[in-house]
C-alpha atoms as a PDB file:
ATOM      1  CA  UNK A   1       8.003 -64.152 125.817  1.00  0.00           C
ATOM      2  CA  UNK A   2      10.312 -63.147 123.111  1.00  0.00           C
ATOM      3  CA  UNK A   3      10.682 -59.422 122.931  1.00  0.00           C
ATOM      4  CA  UNK A   4      10.052 -57.961 119.783  1.00  0.00           C
ATOM      5  CA  UNK A   5      12.096 -55.378 118.512  1.00  0.00           C
ATOM      6  CA  UNK A   6      10.098 -52.524 117.404  1.00  0.00           C
ATOM      7  CA  UNK A   7      11.590 -50.623 114.164  1.00  0.00           C
ATOM      8  CA  UNK A   8      10.414 -46.854 114.016  1.00  0.00           C
ATOM      9  CA  UNK A   9       7.885 -46.042 111.119  1.00  0.00           C
ATOM     10  CA  UNK A  10      10.417 -44.662 108.700  1.00  0.00           C
ATOM     11  CA  UNK A  11      13.357 -47.068 108.964  1.00  0.00           C
ATOM     12  CA  UNK A  12      12.486 -49.161 105.642  1.00  0.00           C
ATOM     13  CA  UNK A  13      13.093 -45.686 104.085  1.00  0.00           C
ATOM     14  CA  UNK A  14      16.242 -45.207 105.711  1.00  0.00           C
ATOM     15  CA  UNK A  15      17.417 -48.521 104.919  1.00  0.00           C
ATOM     16  CA  UNK A  16      16.594 -48.421 101.212  1.00  0.00           C
ATOM     17  CA  UNK A  17      18.030 -44.658 100.697  1.00  0.00           C
ATOM     18  CA  UNK A  18      21.180 -44.490  98.908  1.00  0.00           C
ATOM     19  CA  UNK A  19      24.460 -43.469 100.753  1.00  0.00           C
ATOM     20  CA  UNK A  20      25.587 -39.685 100.479  1.00  0.00           C
ATOM     21  CA  UNK A  21      29.239 -40.880 100.286  1.00  0.00           C
ATOM     22  CA  UNK A  22      30.243 -43.067  97.481  1.00  0.00           C
ATOM     23  CA  UNK A  23      33.450 -44.495  96.496  1.00  0.00           C
ATOM     24  CA  UNK A  24      34.720 -43.632  93.591  1.00  0.00           C
ATOM     25  CA  UNK A  25      35.843 -40.500  91.300  1.00  0.00           C
ATOM     26  CA  UNK A  26      33.525 -37.290  91.993  1.00  0.00           C
ATOM     27  CA  UNK A  27      32.154 -35.870  88.522  1.00  0.00           C
ATOM     28  CA  UNK A  28      30.174 -32.873  89.779  1.00  0.00           C
ATOM     29  CA  UNK A  29      31.053 -30.908  92.633  1.00  0.00           C
ATOM     30  CA  UNK A  30      27.970 -28.944  92.572  1.00  0.00           C
ATOM     31  CA  UNK A  31      26.513 -30.291  95.665  1.00  0.00           C
ATOM     32  CA  UNK A  32      29.743 -29.692  97.635  1.00  0.00           C
ATOM     33  CA  UNK A  33      29.814 -28.087 100.736  1.00  0.00           C
ATOM     34  CA  UNK A  34      33.527 -27.379 100.481  1.00  0.00           C
ATOM     35  CA  UNK A  35      34.241 -24.020  98.940  1.00  0.00           C
ATOM     36  CA  UNK A  36      35.825 -24.347  95.343  1.00  0.00           C
ATOM     37  CA  UNK A  37      39.486 -22.890  95.899  1.00  0.00           C
ATOM     38  CA  UNK A  38      40.235 -19.173  94.285  1.00  0.00           C
ATOM     39  CA  UNK A  39      41.919 -19.847  90.903  1.00  0.00           C
ATOM     40  CA  UNK A  40      45.705 -19.666  90.236  1.00  0.00           C
ATOM     41  CA  UNK A  41      46.314 -16.423  90.225  1.00  0.00           C
ATOM     42  CA  UNK A  42      50.166 -17.059  89.293  1.00  0.00           C
ATOM     43  CA  UNK A  43      49.192 -18.875  86.015  1.00  0.00           C
ATOM     44  CA  UNK A  44      46.759 -16.239  84.782  1.00  0.00           C
ATOM     45  CA  UNK A  45      49.121 -13.436  85.972  1.00  0.00           C
ATOM     46  CA  UNK A  46      51.858 -15.596  83.903  1.00  0.00           C
ATOM     47  CA  UNK A  47      49.484 -15.572  81.077  1.00  0.00           C
ATOM     48  CA  UNK A  48      48.866 -12.128  80.957  1.00  0.00           C
ATOM     49  CA  UNK A  49      52.732 -11.231  81.410  1.00  0.00           C
ATOM     50  CA  UNK A  50      53.481 -13.323  78.245  1.00  0.00           C
ATOM     51  CA  UNK A  51      50.519 -11.425  76.409  1.00  0.00           C
ATOM     52  CA  UNK A  52      51.859  -8.222  77.461  1.00  0.00           C
ATOM     53  CA  UNK A  53      55.295  -9.096  76.644  1.00  0.00           C
ATOM     54  CA  UNK A  54      54.448 -10.581  73.171  1.00  0.00           C
ATOM     55  CA  UNK A  55      52.598  -7.378  72.267  1.00  0.00           C
ATOM     56  CA  UNK A  56      55.583  -5.194  73.440  1.00  0.00           C
ATOM     57  CA  UNK A  57      57.913  -7.540  71.046  1.00  0.00           C
ATOM     58  CA  UNK A  58      55.388  -6.924  68.202  1.00  0.00           C
ATOM     59  CA  UNK A  59      55.532  -3.062  68.830  1.00  0.00           C
ATOM     60  CA  UNK A  60      59.545  -3.107  69.154  1.00  0.00           C
ATOM     61  CA  UNK A  61      59.871  -5.230  65.860  1.00  0.00           C
ATOM     62  CA  UNK A  62      57.005  -3.176  64.145  1.00  0.00           C
ATOM     63  CA  UNK A  63      58.904   0.136  65.003  1.00  0.00           C
ATOM     64  CA  UNK A  64      62.216  -1.057  64.210  1.00  0.00           C
ATOM     65  CA  UNK A  65      61.563  -2.021  60.640  1.00  0.00           C
ATOM     66  CA  UNK A  66      59.409   1.309  60.159  1.00  0.00           C
ATOM     67  CA  UNK A  67      62.332   3.359  61.539  1.00  0.00           C
ATOM     68  CA  UNK A  68      64.915   1.703  59.235  1.00  0.00           C
ATOM     69  CA  UNK A  69      62.529   2.474  56.562  1.00  0.00           C
ATOM     70  CA  UNK A  70      61.804   6.153  57.496  1.00  0.00           C
ATOM     71  CA  UNK A  71      65.477   6.690  57.769  1.00  0.00           C
ATOM     72  CA  UNK A  72      66.250   5.256  54.308  1.00  0.00           C
ATOM     73  CA  UNK A  73      63.361   7.683  53.252  1.00  0.00           C
ATOM     74  CA  UNK A  74      65.350  10.607  54.874  1.00  0.00           C
ATOM     75  CA  UNK A  75      68.589   9.410  53.442  1.00  0.00           C
ATOM     76  CA  UNK A  76      67.410   9.556  49.973  1.00  0.00           C
ATOM     77  CA  UNK A  77      69.130  11.648  47.589  1.00  0.00           C
ATOM     78  CA  UNK A  78      66.482  11.830  44.964  1.00  0.00           C
ATOM     79  CA  UNK A  79      65.593  15.455  44.186  1.00  0.00           C
ATOM     80  CA  UNK A  80      62.009  16.131  44.475  1.00  0.00           C
ATOM     81  CA  UNK A  81      61.519  17.080  41.000  1.00  0.00           C
ATOM     82  CA  UNK A  82      62.586  13.332  40.216  1.00  0.00           C
ATOM     83  CA  UNK A  83      60.571  11.286  42.268  1.00  0.00           C
ATOM     84  CA  UNK A  84      57.795   9.264  40.660  1.00  0.00           C
ATOM     85  CA  UNK A  85      54.267   9.081  42.199  1.00  0.00           C
ATOM     86  CA  UNK A  86      55.079   5.262  43.520  1.00  0.00           C
ATOM     87  CA  UNK A  87      58.132   6.759  45.673  1.00  0.00           C
ATOM     88  CA  UNK A  88      55.663   9.588  46.883  1.00  0.00           C
ATOM     89  CA  UNK A  89      53.293   6.865  47.873  1.00  0.00           C
ATOM     90  CA  UNK A  90      55.614   4.818  49.619  1.00  0.00           C
ATOM     91  CA  UNK A  91      56.936   7.597  51.624  1.00  0.00           C
ATOM     92  CA  UNK A  92      53.250   8.735  52.606  1.00  0.00           C
ATOM     93  CA  UNK A  93      52.676   5.017  53.482  1.00  0.00           C
ATOM     94  CA  UNK A  94      55.836   4.640  55.582  1.00  0.00           C
ATOM     95  CA  UNK A  95      54.274   7.802  57.524  1.00  0.00           C
ATOM     96  CA  UNK A  96      50.853   6.509  57.924  1.00  0.00           C
ATOM     97  CA  UNK A  97      52.114   3.381  59.144  1.00  0.00           C
ATOM     98  CA  UNK A  98      54.248   4.874  61.871  1.00  0.00           C
ATOM     99  CA  UNK A  99      51.378   6.945  62.961  1.00  0.00           C
ATOM    100  CA  UNK A 100      49.327   3.693  63.311  1.00  0.00           C
ATOM    101  CA  UNK A 101      52.049   2.165  65.376  1.00  0.00           C
ATOM    102  CA  UNK A 102      52.004   5.470  67.513  1.00  0.00           C
ATOM    103  CA  UNK A 103      48.498   5.301  67.808  1.00  0.00           C
ATOM    104  CA  UNK A 104      47.863   1.667  68.649  1.00  0.00           C
ATOM    105  CA  UNK A 105      50.746   2.168  71.562  1.00  0.00           C
ATOM    106  CA  UNK A 106      48.746   4.923  72.594  1.00  0.00           C
ATOM    107  CA  UNK A 107      45.501   3.194  72.985  1.00  0.00           C
ATOM    108  CA  UNK A 108      47.223  -0.016  74.387  1.00  0.00           C
ATOM    109  CA  UNK A 109      46.537  -0.015  78.321  1.00  0.00           C
ATOM    110  CA  UNK A 110      49.182  -2.180  78.809  1.00  0.00           C
ATOM    111  CA  UNK A 111      51.886   0.036  77.719  1.00  0.00           C
ATOM    112  CA  UNK A 112      52.597   3.615  79.413  1.00  0.00           C
ATOM    113  CA  UNK A 113      50.555   6.455  78.711  1.00  0.00           C
ATOM    114  CA  UNK A 114      51.568   8.360  75.411  1.00  0.00           C
ATOM    115  CA  UNK A 115      54.301   6.011  74.892  1.00  0.00           C
ATOM    116  CA  UNK A 116      53.345   5.823  71.050  1.00  0.00           C
ATOM    117  CA  UNK A 117      53.808   9.593  71.087  1.00  0.00           C
ATOM    118  CA  UNK A 118      56.847   9.397  72.752  1.00  0.00           C
ATOM    119  CA  UNK A 119      58.672   6.598  70.614  1.00  0.00           C
ATOM    120  CA  UNK A 120      57.349   8.759  67.287  1.00  0.00           C
ATOM    121  CA  UNK A 121      58.881  12.227  68.513  1.00  0.00           C
ATOM    122  CA  UNK A 122      62.145  10.341  69.387  1.00  0.00           C
ATOM    123  CA  UNK A 123      62.123   8.794  66.178  1.00  0.00           C
ATOM    124  CA  UNK A 124      61.707  12.346  64.651  1.00  0.00           C
ATOM    125  CA  UNK A 125      64.281  14.047  66.806  1.00  0.00           C
ATOM    126  CA  UNK A 126      66.893  11.583  65.776  1.00  0.00           C
ATOM    127  CA  UNK A 127      65.998  12.121  62.243  1.00  0.00           C
ATOM    128  CA  UNK A 128      66.476  15.859  62.827  1.00  0.00           C
ATOM    129  CA  UNK A 129      69.979  15.319  64.088  1.00  0.00           C
ATOM    130  CA  UNK A 130      70.733  13.173  61.164  1.00  0.00           C
ATOM    131  CA  UNK A 131      69.922  16.326  59.150  1.00  0.00           C
ATOM    132  CA  UNK A 132      71.717  18.636  60.953  1.00  0.00           C
ATOM    133  CA  UNK A 133      74.832  16.621  60.622  1.00  0.00           C
ATOM    134  CA  UNK A 134      74.323  16.312  56.888  1.00  0.00           C
ATOM    135  CA  UNK A 135      73.925  20.151  56.833  1.00  0.00           C
ATOM    136  CA  UNK A 136      76.956  20.864  58.983  1.00  0.00           C
ATOM    137  CA  UNK A 137      78.886  18.556  56.578  1.00  0.00           C
ATOM    138  CA  UNK A 138      77.793  20.456  53.519  1.00  0.00           C
ATOM    139  CA  UNK A 139      78.295  23.605  55.018  1.00  0.00           C
ATOM    140  CA  UNK A 140      82.039  22.617  56.107  1.00  0.00           C
ATOM    141  CA  UNK A 141      82.425  21.533  52.309  1.00  0.00           C
ATOM    142  CA  UNK A 142      80.984  24.586  50.798  1.00  0.00           C
ATOM    143  CA  UNK A 143      83.130  26.595  53.103  1.00  0.00           C
ATOM    144  CA  UNK A 144      86.608  24.904  52.058  1.00  0.00           C
ATOM    145  CA  UNK A 145      85.347  25.298  48.530  1.00  0.00           C
ATOM    146  CA  UNK A 146      84.663  28.938  48.994  1.00  0.00           C
ATOM    147  CA  UNK A 147      88.508  29.070  50.665  1.00  0.00           C
ATOM    148  CA  UNK A 148      89.864  27.406  47.892  1.00  0.00           C
ATOM    149  CA  UNK A 149      88.369  29.320  45.157  1.00  0.00           C
ATOM    150  CA  UNK A 150      89.340  32.799  47.217  1.00  0.00           C
ATOM    151  CA  UNK A 151      93.009  31.380  47.055  1.00  0.00           C
ATOM    152  CA  UNK A 152      93.183  30.814  43.545  1.00  0.00           C
ATOM    153  CA  UNK A 153      91.845  34.211  42.629  1.00  0.00           C
ATOM    154  CA  UNK A 154      94.391  35.987  44.719  1.00  0.00           C
END
């Protein structure tokens, strides 16, 4: 007698089932049991660093441009009575742009706290020193003129 091989009742279903592991490229990783690798933090850090550096460079460039313009306004020799409305508007616009830049820098979380105020204060202190030097030069010249007048009167 030949021995019959008996198959388990669900053997047929098992034979027709698709294999879990197929060859080829895996397109969807949703059913994977392996956890996803953490994102590359160095690339994210580098991207953020480039963004912060770009904003810093923008602040620096705007600051230099506005500071030079403000210095030109301080060194302007036009008497206040001779200034036109346009000249006064340009002065006010420059001041407003400096205030906006300082405010943006103060509100930027990537910059040091209060850095906009420090930059604006530094600019103003430099302009005060510039004015001091002009005043001292004028006082020296006036003193020399007075001495010269006194010598001629004697």
